[in-house]
Protein backbone atom coordinates (compact mmCIF):
# COMPACT_ATOMS: atom_id res chain seq x y z
CA MET A 1 0.00 0.00 0.00
CA PHE A 2 2.80 2.44 0.91
CA GLN A 3 4.66 1.62 -2.29
CA ASN A 4 1.64 2.46 -4.42
CA SER A 5 1.27 5.81 -2.66
CA LEU A 6 4.98 6.53 -3.12
CA ARG A 7 4.80 5.64 -6.82
CA ALA A 8 1.79 7.86 -7.31
CA ALA A 9 3.50 10.77 -5.52
CA LEU A 10 6.68 10.38 -7.59
CA LEU A 11 4.67 10.14 -10.80
CA ALA A 12 2.74 13.28 -9.88
CA ALA A 13 5.99 15.11 -9.10
CA ALA A 14 7.50 14.03 -12.44
CA VAL A 15 4.44 15.14 -14.39
CA ALA A 16 4.34 18.46 -12.54
CA SER A 17 8.06 19.07 -13.18
CA THR A 18 7.67 18.27 -16.87
CA ALA A 19 4.64 20.53 -17.19
CA PHE A 20 6.50 23.36 -15.42
CA GLY A 21 9.46 23.02 -17.77
CA ILE A 22 7.17 23.12 -20.79
CA TYR A 23 5.39 26.16 -19.33
CA ARG A 24 8.73 27.96 -18.89
CA GLY A 25 9.66 27.28 -22.52
CA GLU A 26 12.63 25.02 -21.85
CA VAL A 27 11.80 22.49 -24.57
CA PRO A 28 13.98 24.10 -27.29
CA GLU A 29 16.92 24.37 -24.87
CA VAL A 30 16.71 20.71 -23.89
CA LEU A 31 16.37 19.67 -27.54
CA LEU A 32 19.42 21.75 -28.51
CA LYS A 33 21.51 20.17 -25.75
CA ALA A 34 20.38 16.69 -26.80
CA ILE A 35 21.32 17.34 -30.43
CA ASN A 36 24.75 18.66 -29.44
CA LEU A 37 25.39 15.68 -27.20
CA CYS A 38 24.40 13.25 -29.96
CA LEU A 39 26.63 14.97 -32.49
CA GLU A 40 29.56 14.91 -30.07
CA CYS A 41 29.08 11.21 -29.40
CA ILE A 42 29.31 10.28 -33.06
CA GLY A 43 32.20 12.69 -33.65
CA ILE A 44 30.57 15.29 -35.89
CA GLY A 45 30.11 18.19 -33.50
């Protein structure tokens, strides 16, 4: 029972954090960092 409550609380916190990041307009920044990291890994960037 406690584990289900903990999972639900963590899921709610993750969804709230994601929604807050989208609200603040951080999606392009995260996407840009992901692209740069990918290009560095394969040796292009």
